[in-house]
Protein backbone atom coordinates (compact mmCIF):
# COMPACT_ATOMS: atom_id res chain seq x y z
CA MET A 1 -31.11 -37.48 37.50
CA ASP A 2 -29.16 -40.75 37.04
CA LYS A 3 -29.86 -43.33 34.34
CA ALA A 4 -31.82 -45.71 36.60
CA ALA A 5 -34.23 -42.92 37.60
CA ALA A 6 -34.72 -41.91 33.97
CA ALA A 7 -35.44 -45.53 32.98
CA ALA A 8 -37.98 -45.88 35.83
CA ILE A 9 -39.87 -42.79 34.64
CA GLY A 10 -40.01 -44.23 31.14
CA ALA A 11 -41.38 -47.52 32.50
CA LYS A 12 -44.28 -45.75 34.24
CA PHE A 13 -45.55 -44.68 30.84
CA GLY A 14 -45.47 -48.18 29.41
CA GLU A 15 -42.11 -47.77 27.73
CA SER A 16 -39.64 -50.56 27.24
CA ILE A 17 -37.09 -50.10 30.04
CA LYS A 18 -34.37 -51.47 27.78
CA ASP A 19 -35.11 -49.02 24.96
CA TYR A 20 -35.53 -46.01 27.21
CA THR A 21 -32.43 -46.84 29.20
CA LYS A 22 -30.36 -46.93 26.03
CA ALA A 23 -31.86 -43.68 24.80
CA SER A 24 -31.33 -41.94 28.13
CA GLU A 25 -27.72 -43.20 28.30
CA ASN A 26 -26.97 -41.63 24.94
CA ILE A 27 -28.71 -38.36 25.83
CA ILE A 28 -27.08 -38.02 29.24
CA GLU A 29 -23.61 -38.87 27.98
CA ALA A 30 -23.85 -36.44 25.06
CA ILE A 31 -25.07 -33.56 27.24
CA VAL A 32 -22.55 -34.14 30.03
CA ILE A 33 -19.62 -34.40 27.59
CA ASP A 34 -20.79 -31.24 25.84
CA HIS A 35 -21.00 -29.55 29.25
CA CYS A 36 -17.45 -30.63 30.09
CA ASN A 37 -16.12 -29.55 26.69
CA GLU A 38 -17.59 -26.11 27.28
CA GLY A 39 -15.96 -26.18 30.71
CA ILE A 40 -12.55 -26.69 29.11
CA ARG A 41 -13.22 -23.80 26.74
CA LEU A 42 -14.08 -21.51 29.66
CA MET A 43 -11.01 -22.59 31.64
CA SER A 44 -8.73 -22.15 28.63
CA LYS A 45 -10.11 -18.67 28.01
CA GLN A 46 -9.40 -17.70 31.63
CA ILE A 47 -5.86 -19.11 31.50
CA LYS A 48 -5.02 -17.37 28.22
CA SER A 49 -6.31 -14.05 29.53
CA LYS A 50 -4.18 -14.31 32.66
CA ALA A 51 -1.12 -16.27 31.53
CA ARG A 52 2.24 -14.61 31.82
CA THR A 53 4.62 -17.45 30.99
CA GLY A 54 4.69 -19.95 28.16
CA GLN A 55 4.27 -22.70 30.73
CA ALA A 56 0.89 -21.34 31.80
CA SER A 57 -0.15 -20.88 28.18
CA THR A 58 0.66 -24.52 27.50
CA LEU A 59 -1.72 -25.47 30.29
CA ALA A 60 -4.68 -24.20 28.28
CA ALA A 61 -3.98 -26.78 25.57
CA SER A 62 -3.23 -29.63 27.99
CA MET A 63 -6.76 -30.34 29.21
CA SER A 64 -9.06 -33.09 27.97
CA ASN A 65 -12.20 -34.95 29.03
CA VAL A 66 -12.12 -38.67 29.80
CA PRO A 67 -15.51 -40.46 30.07
CA ILE A 68 -15.44 -43.34 32.57
CA GLN A 69 -18.10 -46.03 32.95
CA VAL A 70 -18.62 -46.27 36.72
CA SER A 71 -21.35 -48.92 36.65
CA ALA A 72 -24.08 -50.25 34.39
CA THR A 73 -26.25 -47.23 35.15
CA LYS A 74 -23.75 -44.46 35.86
CA PHE A 75 -20.79 -42.83 34.18
CA GLN A 76 -18.63 -39.81 34.89
CA VAL A 77 -16.40 -37.50 32.91
CA ASN A 78 -13.01 -36.57 34.37
CA THR A 79 -11.38 -33.38 33.12
CA ILE A 80 -7.62 -33.87 33.31
CA SER A 81 -4.43 -31.97 32.49
CA THR A 82 -1.12 -33.45 31.47
CA GLU A 83 0.70 -30.57 33.21
CA TYR A 84 1.67 -31.24 36.85
CA TYR A 85 1.48 -27.56 37.82
CA ALA A 86 -2.21 -27.10 36.94
CA ASP A 87 -3.37 -26.86 40.55
CA PHE A 88 -0.56 -24.40 41.41
CA VAL A 89 -1.73 -22.11 38.62
CA ASP A 90 -5.36 -22.40 39.70
CA LYS A 91 -4.83 -21.82 43.44
CA GLY A 92 -1.70 -19.67 43.25
CA VAL A 93 1.49 -20.00 45.31
CA LYS A 94 2.61 -17.99 48.34
CA GLY A 95 5.94 -16.24 47.88
CA VAL A 96 9.01 -16.85 50.02
CA ARG A 97 8.87 -13.28 51.35
CA ASN A 98 5.44 -12.10 50.26
CA ARG A 99 2.31 -14.18 50.75
CA GLY A 100 -0.16 -11.48 49.79
CA LYS A 101 -0.76 -12.64 46.21
CA ALA A 102 -2.17 -16.01 47.26
CA PRO A 103 -3.06 -15.81 50.96
CA SER A 104 -5.51 -18.74 50.79
CA SER A 105 -3.35 -21.04 48.69
CA PRO A 106 -2.24 -24.37 50.18
CA TYR A 107 1.04 -23.99 48.24
CA SER A 108 4.11 -21.89 48.97
CA PHE A 109 7.65 -21.52 47.63
CA LYS A 110 10.21 -22.71 50.18
CA ASN A 111 13.39 -21.12 48.81
CA LEU A 112 14.70 -18.91 46.01
CA GLY A 113 16.22 -21.71 43.96
CA THR A 114 15.00 -21.80 40.34
CA SER A 115 14.70 -24.89 38.18
CA LYS A 116 15.83 -25.07 34.55
CA ALA A 117 12.19 -25.53 33.47
CA MET A 118 11.14 -22.36 35.30
CA VAL A 119 13.93 -20.31 33.72
CA GLU A 120 13.13 -21.70 30.27
CA SER A 121 9.48 -20.74 30.77
CA PHE A 122 10.45 -17.11 31.40
CA LYS A 123 12.82 -17.14 28.42
CA ASP A 124 9.86 -18.22 26.31
CA TYR A 125 7.80 -15.40 27.82
CA ILE A 126 10.50 -12.86 26.92
CA ALA A 127 10.62 -14.19 23.36
CA ARG A 128 6.83 -13.94 23.00
CA THR A 129 6.26 -10.57 24.61
CA GLY A 130 9.20 -8.41 23.57
CA SER A 131 12.82 -7.51 24.04
CA LYS A 132 12.63 -5.40 27.19
CA SER A 133 13.85 -6.40 30.63
CA MET A 134 11.99 -5.80 33.91
CA ASN A 135 13.96 -2.52 34.13
CA LYS A 136 12.93 -1.58 30.59
CA LYS A 137 16.43 -2.14 29.25
CA THR A 138 16.70 -3.54 25.75
CA LEU A 139 17.86 -7.14 25.52
CA ILE A 140 18.60 -7.09 21.79
CA ARG A 141 22.27 -7.17 20.84
CA LYS A 142 24.16 -7.54 17.58
CA ASN A 143 26.25 -10.20 19.27
CA LYS A 144 23.82 -13.14 19.57
CA LYS A 145 25.85 -14.76 22.33
CA LYS A 146 25.59 -11.62 24.45
CA GLN A 147 21.87 -11.40 23.64
CA SER A 148 21.33 -15.00 24.73
CA ASP A 149 23.25 -14.40 27.95
CA LEU A 150 21.22 -11.27 28.71
CA ILE A 151 17.91 -13.06 28.12
CA THR A 152 18.99 -15.98 30.32
CA LYS A 153 20.03 -13.57 33.07
CA GLU A 154 16.74 -11.71 32.79
CA ALA A 155 14.75 -14.95 32.87
CA LYS A 156 16.56 -16.03 36.04
CA GLN A 157 15.84 -12.67 37.65
CA MET A 158 12.15 -12.97 36.74
CA ALA A 159 12.03 -16.50 38.14
CA VAL A 160 13.58 -15.38 41.44
CA ALA A 161 11.22 -12.40 41.61
CA THR A 162 8.30 -14.78 41.13
CA LYS A 163 9.48 -17.00 43.97
CA ILE A 164 9.92 -13.98 46.22
CA GLY A 165 6.50 -12.49 45.47
CA GLY A 166 4.52 -15.65 44.73
CA ILE A 167 1.95 -16.42 42.04
CA LYS A 168 -1.51 -14.93 42.01
CA PRO A 169 -4.26 -17.57 41.59
CA MET A 170 -5.98 -17.72 38.20
CA ASN A 171 -9.07 -19.47 39.62
CA PHE A 172 -9.72 -21.02 36.23
CA ILE A 173 -11.41 -24.18 37.55
CA SER A 174 -14.24 -22.14 39.06
CA LYS A 175 -15.10 -20.91 35.56
CA ALA A 176 -16.15 -24.46 34.69
CA ASP A 177 -17.24 -25.77 38.08
CA ASN A 178 -19.71 -23.49 39.83
CA PRO A 179 -23.34 -23.59 41.04
CA GLN A 180 -24.66 -21.71 38.02
CA ARG A 181 -23.17 -24.19 35.52
CA THR A 182 -24.37 -27.13 37.62
CA LYS A 183 -27.89 -25.70 37.53
CA GLN A 184 -27.62 -25.23 33.76
CA LEU A 185 -26.52 -28.84 33.33
CA ALA A 186 -29.47 -30.11 35.36
CA ALA A 187 -31.88 -28.02 33.30
CA SER A 188 -30.40 -29.29 30.03
CA LEU A 189 -30.66 -32.90 31.13
CA ALA A 190 -34.26 -32.47 32.28
CA ALA A 191 -35.29 -30.82 29.04
CA ALA A 192 -33.58 -33.38 26.83
CA LEU A 193 -34.85 -36.41 28.72
CA GLY A 194 -38.34 -34.96 28.87
CA LYS A 195 -38.38 -34.42 25.12
CA ALA A 196 -37.11 -37.93 24.45
CA MET A 197 -39.70 -39.39 26.79
CA ALA A 198 -42.53 -37.49 25.12
CA LYS A 199 -41.40 -38.74 21.72
CA ASN A 200 -41.19 -42.35 22.92
CA ILE A 201 -44.64 -42.14 24.50
CA LYS A 202 -46.10 -40.80 21.26
CA ILE A 203 -44.49 -43.63 19.31
CA SER A 204 -45.84 -46.16 21.82
CA ILE A 205 -49.39 -44.78 21.62
CA ASN A 206 -49.36 -44.73 17.84
CA GLY A 207 -47.94 -48.21 17.76
CA ASN A 208 -44.95 -47.13 15.56
């Protein structure tokens, strides 16, 4: 139900369209923003449960909701991320040699070249998760220079392996945007607007 429809219902019961419109605007905005905030929580939970690299973990903290006034009677809330790779993480990426992890993804790696940012992300992952390499060899050394070199080498190998095999989709957006949540939002709006309308009608009848 949009704001104009809610105001029209209020008018049928002798309400002031101006007063009811303002009340419905506040109710709708509060419920929709709360719905979107919960959506971010659900997406963040999915990302954190699936994240392998520090880059993906950062994604969970990069999302926010931005309310936008579309017209005098409608507004929308855009959920955005400051990280450019958000859609890659959601949909996955086909590997250069193996496309099985993300067969339906519109994205694919084109070559085995690794960027500095990608290597740094895996170095962060190694630092957070332990000192073992993919081959279970220890990366800890008394000589810190040798240790740093080993970790960098391991991170590069992990980055190349990722490009070969691809990235499995996290499907985190579907946790927030799905038919069940849309139905819940509609029910919440109907209940809240109905309650507000009943209260306004009572006030009108009592003359208060």
